[in-house]
Protein backbone atom coordinates (compact mmCIF):
# COMPACT_ATOMS: atom_id res chain seq x y z
CA MET A 1 118.01 76.83 129.77
CA SER A 2 114.59 77.31 131.95
CA GLY A 3 114.56 80.89 133.38
CA THR A 4 116.73 82.71 130.66
CA VAL A 5 116.55 86.70 130.68
CA THR A 6 118.31 88.13 127.67
CA ALA A 7 118.73 91.48 126.56
CA GLY A 8 118.95 92.93 123.00
CA ILE A 9 118.74 95.83 120.53
CA ILE A 10 115.60 96.51 118.15
CA SER A 11 117.21 96.54 114.47
CA SER A 12 113.97 96.82 113.07
CA ARG A 13 109.62 97.34 113.22
CA GLY A 14 107.56 96.02 110.37
CA ARG A 15 109.76 93.27 109.18
CA ASN A 16 107.89 90.99 107.10
CA ILE A 17 109.90 87.38 107.48
CA ASP A 18 107.05 85.39 104.30
CA GLN A 19 104.66 83.78 107.60
CA GLY A 20 102.14 84.78 106.37
CA PRO A 21 99.63 87.95 105.32
CA TYR A 22 99.61 89.81 108.41
CA ASP A 23 103.68 90.11 109.02
CA ASP A 24 104.39 92.78 111.46
CA PHE A 25 107.29 92.08 113.62
CA ILE A 26 109.74 93.66 115.39
CA GLN A 27 113.50 92.27 115.01
CA THR A 28 115.82 91.99 117.72
CA ASP A 29 119.37 90.49 118.83
CA ALA A 30 117.75 89.48 122.32
CA PRO A 31 117.97 85.37 121.88
CA ILE A 32 114.75 83.75 121.99
CA ASN A 33 115.37 80.18 123.17
CA LYS A 34 113.37 76.93 122.66
CA GLY A 35 110.41 77.73 125.29
CA ASN A 36 110.52 81.14 124.91
CA SER A 37 107.51 81.54 122.25
CA GLY A 38 104.35 83.48 123.56
CA GLY A 39 106.82 84.90 126.40
CA PRO A 40 107.03 88.95 126.59
CA LEU A 41 109.62 91.20 125.02
CA PHE A 42 110.54 94.17 127.35
CA ASP A 43 111.65 97.76 126.97
CA MET A 44 114.48 99.39 129.23
CA ASP A 45 111.22 100.56 131.70
CA GLY A 46 110.00 96.89 132.27
CA ASN A 47 106.98 97.42 129.86
CA VAL A 48 106.05 94.91 127.46
CA ILE A 49 106.55 95.74 123.87
CA GLY A 50 106.02 92.58 122.20
CA VAL A 51 104.98 88.69 122.17
CA ASN A 52 108.33 86.62 121.49
CA THR A 53 107.48 84.40 118.22
CA ALA A 54 110.20 83.24 115.85
CA ILE A 55 113.72 83.18 115.34
CA TYR A 56 116.11 83.26 112.02
CA SER A 57 117.33 79.60 112.33
CA PRO A 58 119.19 78.90 109.07
CA SER A 59 121.02 75.96 111.31
CA GLY A 60 117.98 75.24 113.49
CA GLY A 61 119.64 76.94 116.37
CA SER A 62 119.22 80.73 117.31
CA VAL A 63 121.96 83.08 115.77
CA GLY A 64 120.50 85.93 117.55
CA ILE A 65 118.18 87.28 115.69
CA GLY A 66 114.30 86.56 116.95
CA PHE A 67 111.25 87.88 115.96
CA SER A 68 108.36 89.43 118.11
CA ILE A 69 104.61 90.41 117.33
CA PRO A 70 104.10 94.10 118.58
CA ALA A 71 102.11 94.41 121.78
CA ASN A 72 99.38 96.54 120.48
CA GLU A 73 98.56 93.78 117.83
CA ALA A 74 98.40 91.17 120.55
CA ARG A 75 96.27 93.66 122.67
CA GLY A 76 93.62 94.12 119.85
CA ILE A 77 93.74 89.89 119.68
CA VAL A 78 93.30 89.33 123.55
CA ASP A 79 90.85 91.49 124.00
CA GLN A 80 88.65 89.70 120.92
CA LEU A 81 88.84 86.76 122.72
CA ARG A 82 87.76 87.85 125.85
CA LYS A 83 84.96 89.69 124.23
CA THR A 84 83.83 86.72 121.94
CA GLY A 85 86.14 83.81 122.21
CA LYS A 86 87.39 84.16 118.42
CA VAL A 87 89.28 86.55 116.35
CA SER A 88 87.59 88.33 113.35
CA ARG A 89 89.95 89.96 110.95
CA GLY A 90 89.00 92.62 108.03
CA TRP A 91 88.94 91.69 104.55
CA LEU A 92 88.65 93.11 101.53
CA GLY A 93 89.02 90.10 99.13
CA VAL A 94 91.95 90.63 96.70
CA ARG A 95 95.04 88.85 95.95
CA ILE A 96 97.66 91.57 95.56
CA GLN A 97 101.37 91.71 94.36
CA ASN A 98 104.20 94.59 94.86
CA VAL A 99 105.05 96.77 92.39
CA THR A 100 107.65 96.67 90.48
CA GLN A 101 109.43 99.22 88.18
CA ASP A 102 108.65 97.15 85.24
CA ILE A 103 105.35 96.83 86.38
CA ALA A 104 104.59 100.70 87.08
CA ASP A 105 105.96 101.38 83.35
CA GLY A 106 103.50 99.15 82.04
CA LEU A 107 100.92 100.87 84.01
CA GLY A 108 101.97 104.45 83.54
CA LEU A 109 102.35 104.89 87.11
CA SER A 110 105.18 106.94 89.07
CA PRO A 111 106.61 106.46 91.45
CA ALA A 112 106.41 102.56 91.47
CA ARG A 113 104.66 101.97 95.12
CA GLY A 114 101.17 100.36 95.90
CA ALA A 115 99.39 97.10 95.95
CA LEU A 116 98.85 95.71 92.74
CA VAL A 117 95.08 93.60 92.33
CA ALA A 118 96.20 90.20 91.03
CA GLY A 119 92.88 89.06 91.32
CA VAL A 120 89.48 89.76 93.36
CA GLU A 121 87.34 87.05 95.01
CA LYS A 122 83.93 86.55 93.75
CA ASP A 123 81.16 88.21 95.93
CA GLY A 124 84.23 89.72 98.24
CA PRO A 125 83.82 93.29 99.63
CA ALA A 126 85.99 94.32 97.00
CA ALA A 127 84.34 92.92 93.87
CA LYS A 128 81.08 94.48 95.36
CA ALA A 129 83.02 98.02 95.53
CA LYS A 130 83.95 97.31 91.70
CA LEU A 131 87.66 96.86 92.23
CA GLN A 132 89.46 95.30 89.45
CA THR A 133 92.65 93.26 88.31
CA GLY A 134 95.12 95.66 87.75
CA ASP A 135 94.02 98.46 89.68
CA VAL A 136 96.93 99.68 92.03
CA ILE A 137 95.71 100.40 95.36
CA GLN A 138 97.97 103.41 96.60
CA THR A 139 96.27 104.44 99.65
CA LEU A 140 93.75 102.97 102.87
CA ASP A 141 92.02 106.07 104.21
CA GLY A 142 94.55 108.34 103.17
CA GLN A 143 97.10 105.81 104.29
CA PRO A 144 100.03 105.71 101.69
CA ILE A 145 100.47 101.41 100.53
CA GLU A 146 103.55 99.68 100.76
CA GLY A 147 103.31 96.65 98.99
CA LYS A 148 102.12 93.73 101.15
CA ALA A 149 101.07 95.88 104.11
CA LEU A 150 97.54 95.92 102.89
CA PRO A 151 95.95 92.58 104.44
CA ARG A 152 97.48 93.66 107.63
CA LEU A 153 96.18 97.02 107.57
CA SER A 154 92.60 96.09 106.44
CA ALA A 155 92.82 93.24 108.92
CA GLN A 156 93.11 95.58 111.65
CA LEU A 157 89.70 97.78 110.67
CA PRO A 158 86.42 96.78 112.28
CA VAL A 159 83.59 94.41 109.75
CA GLY A 160 81.36 96.72 108.60
CA THR A 161 84.05 99.65 107.99
CA VAL A 162 83.58 101.83 105.05
CA ALA A 163 86.98 102.12 104.16
CA HIS A 164 88.12 104.55 101.07
CA LEU A 165 91.14 103.11 98.75
CA GLY A 166 92.79 105.71 96.18
CA VAL A 167 93.19 103.40 93.36
CA TRP A 168 95.45 104.10 90.23
CA ARG A 169 93.15 102.83 87.48
CA HIS A 170 93.91 103.14 83.86
CA GLY A 171 96.17 106.28 84.52
CA LYS A 172 94.54 108.20 86.94
CA MET A 173 93.57 108.26 90.40
CA VAL A 174 90.17 107.34 91.76
CA ASP A 175 88.37 106.84 95.34
CA VAL A 176 87.03 103.13 95.76
CA PRO A 177 84.70 102.99 99.12
CA VAL A 178 84.47 99.47 100.14
CA THR A 179 82.75 98.10 103.23
CA ILE A 180 85.23 96.01 105.01
CA GLY A 181 84.04 92.13 105.33
CA MET A 182 84.93 89.32 107.64
CA LEU A 183 87.35 86.89 106.63
CA PRO A 184 85.35 83.76 105.59
CA GLU A 185 86.31 80.13 106.77
CA PRO A 186 88.01 78.35 103.37
CA ALA A 187 85.50 76.88 101.33
CA ALA A 188 85.78 74.18 98.26
CA GLU A 189 85.55 75.61 95.13
CA PRO A 190 82.54 74.90 92.86
CA GLU A 191 83.19 72.76 89.84
CA ALA A 192 83.41 75.28 86.74
CA LYS A 193 81.91 74.67 83.46
CA PRO A 194 84.31 73.81 80.94
CA ALA A 195 85.33 77.17 78.51
CA ALA A 196 85.01 76.68 74.84
CA THR A 197 87.81 77.05 72.67
CA PRO A 198 88.28 79.88 70.22
CA LYS A 199 87.92 78.22 66.37
CA GLY A 200 91.17 78.62 64.50
CA ALA A 201 93.61 79.02 67.15
CA ALA A 202 96.79 78.21 66.53
CA GLU A 203 100.30 78.40 67.98
CA VAL A 204 102.08 81.47 68.29
CA SER A 205 105.92 82.03 69.34
CA PHE A 206 107.47 85.16 70.89
CA SER A 207 110.98 84.71 70.40
CA LYS A 208 112.08 87.84 71.78
CA LEU A 209 110.13 86.84 74.93
CA GLY A 210 111.35 83.74 74.92
CA PHE A 211 107.77 81.71 75.10
CA SER A 212 105.35 80.30 73.00
CA VAL A 213 101.45 79.72 73.40
CA GLY A 214 98.58 77.78 72.37
CA PRO A 215 94.84 76.81 72.96
CA LEU A 216 93.50 75.95 75.77
CA ASP A 217 91.64 73.30 74.84
CA ALA A 218 90.32 70.05 76.64
CA ALA A 219 93.35 68.14 75.88
CA ALA A 220 95.32 70.67 77.59
CA ARG A 221 93.54 70.95 80.46
CA GLN A 222 93.68 67.42 81.21
CA LYS A 223 97.50 67.18 79.98
CA TYR A 224 98.27 70.27 82.74
CA SER A 225 95.64 69.45 85.39
CA LEU A 226 93.82 72.85 85.02
CA PRO A 227 90.36 73.74 86.04
CA SER A 228 87.71 72.88 83.64
CA GLY A 229 86.17 76.36 83.67
CA GLN A 230 90.01 78.09 83.01
CA LYS A 231 90.01 80.71 80.54
CA GLY A 232 92.68 82.30 78.15
CA VAL A 233 96.31 80.97 76.22
CA LEU A 234 98.42 78.19 77.39
CA VAL A 235 102.22 78.42 77.92
CA THR A 236 103.20 75.41 75.48
CA SER A 237 107.31 76.13 75.73
CA VAL A 238 110.07 78.71 77.58
CA LYS A 239 113.41 79.03 76.30
CA ASP A 240 115.98 78.65 78.70
CA GLY A 241 117.62 81.48 79.84
CA GLY A 242 114.87 83.53 78.35
CA LEU A 243 113.40 86.81 79.58
CA ALA A 244 109.91 84.56 80.27
CA SER A 245 112.41 81.83 82.08
CA ASP A 246 113.79 84.80 84.02
CA ARG A 247 110.16 86.11 84.91
CA GLY A 248 109.21 82.50 86.12
CA LEU A 249 106.88 81.34 83.18
CA ARG A 250 106.94 77.76 83.23
CA GLU A 251 104.90 75.23 80.42
CA GLY A 252 101.79 74.55 81.55
CA ASP A 253 101.00 78.18 82.80
CA VAL A 254 98.19 80.08 81.50
CA VAL A 255 98.01 83.92 80.24
CA THR A 256 94.50 85.63 80.82
CA GLU A 257 94.84 89.02 80.44
CA VAL A 258 97.37 91.50 78.90
CA GLN A 259 97.29 94.88 79.75
CA GLN A 260 93.87 94.17 81.82
CA ALA A 261 92.16 93.58 78.76
CA GLU A 262 90.96 89.67 78.58
CA VAL A 263 92.93 87.22 76.23
CA THR A 264 90.92 84.29 74.36
CA SER A 265 93.10 83.15 71.77
CA PRO A 266 96.96 82.83 70.91
CA ALA A 267 96.23 85.44 67.86
CA ASP A 268 94.38 87.90 70.79
CA LEU A 269 97.64 87.87 72.82
CA LYS A 270 99.77 88.62 69.64
CA LYS A 271 97.91 91.33 68.91
CA ARG A 272 97.37 93.26 72.59
CA ILE A 273 101.21 93.03 72.65
CA GLU A 274 101.56 94.09 69.13
CA ASP A 275 99.19 97.20 70.49
CA ALA A 276 101.38 98.01 73.52
CA GLN A 277 104.42 98.20 71.59
CA LYS A 278 102.51 100.48 68.66
CA ALA A 279 101.84 102.73 72.23
CA HIS A 280 105.34 103.27 72.84
CA LYS A 281 104.90 101.43 76.32
CA LYS A 282 107.95 100.25 78.36
CA SER A 283 106.68 97.45 79.10
CA VAL A 284 103.48 95.12 78.80
CA LEU A 285 101.82 93.35 81.49
CA LEU A 286 100.62 89.86 81.51
CA LEU A 287 98.25 88.17 84.02
CA VAL A 288 99.07 84.61 84.43
CA HIS A 289 97.81 81.95 86.70
CA ASP A 290 100.25 79.51 87.90
CA ALA A 291 100.37 76.87 90.50
CA ASP A 292 100.41 79.34 93.06
CA GLY A 293 97.25 81.61 91.71
CA LEU A 294 97.17 84.65 89.95
CA ARG A 295 100.17 87.63 89.24
CA TRP A 296 101.17 89.93 87.41
CA VAL A 297 104.04 89.37 84.68
CA PRO A 298 105.86 92.56 83.43
CA PHE A 299 108.03 92.28 79.86
CA PRO A 300 109.97 95.22 78.70
CA LEU A 301 109.24 96.11 75.29
CA ASN A 302 112.46 98.41 74.81
CA GLY A 303 111.11 99.71 71.51
CA GLU A 304 111.49 97.01 69.15
CA ASP A 305 109.50 94.38 67.07
CA THR A 306 108.51 91.92 69.94
CA PRO A 307 107.07 88.99 68.35
């Protein structure tokens, strides 16, 4: 199969195939065979428009769907390698997730778009700019943001650049200037001090939401291999087929915030959900720490007595 030349149709640009935070592939039906990775994708005029990278292969062989890195993106990487011998990417220092309609309802946001901040890296650019969990990044330097495009767009900015984020926070838009940092090398996290368990904490059940929570004490941390400094309340049980189960909540997960407010006990969690109910919120947002990190989980309230 050496020397193979193929022709194909571009069926999509900006394709995300969950290979990393910078996915922005050109999708083509030109076959990409073994050994073609790294080779050029040409247009009809002979211009290189992409670098062949991956295929869609449920069976291990090519089914005629391939993916290429856009030439403009590859050119920037090549320029950096020539000048410095390494690739430096811009970095905001946030963990994000897509904004679903349930999440937008809980935040009073319309339409449902942007990048929801699920976590802020300590001492990172976003932390220094006072970005908060629960913020929704709507624009980057005036450019609308759609979900997971944010890491890719921020990675393309030169280190030291001051970027302006349009952020939806507590029901209004604010401008947050942030100085782009350099993506750091992974580092081991320092051991945290054990968090104290609130006195009088008792298990609380949310039957309509389909889960129960209890205090996060030393025994719970040991049982579920949780960090010693982890704060919040422990998910002690999840009803099969219930709302919580459908939303991926699992026993051993930890709820750390409700509606962007920290929770420290099961009773505290119950009160904050009841407060959202009294405020006639369509849904309530829980910030959950699970095996994959932090994420926001929306629960519809539907105007009913929640617990």
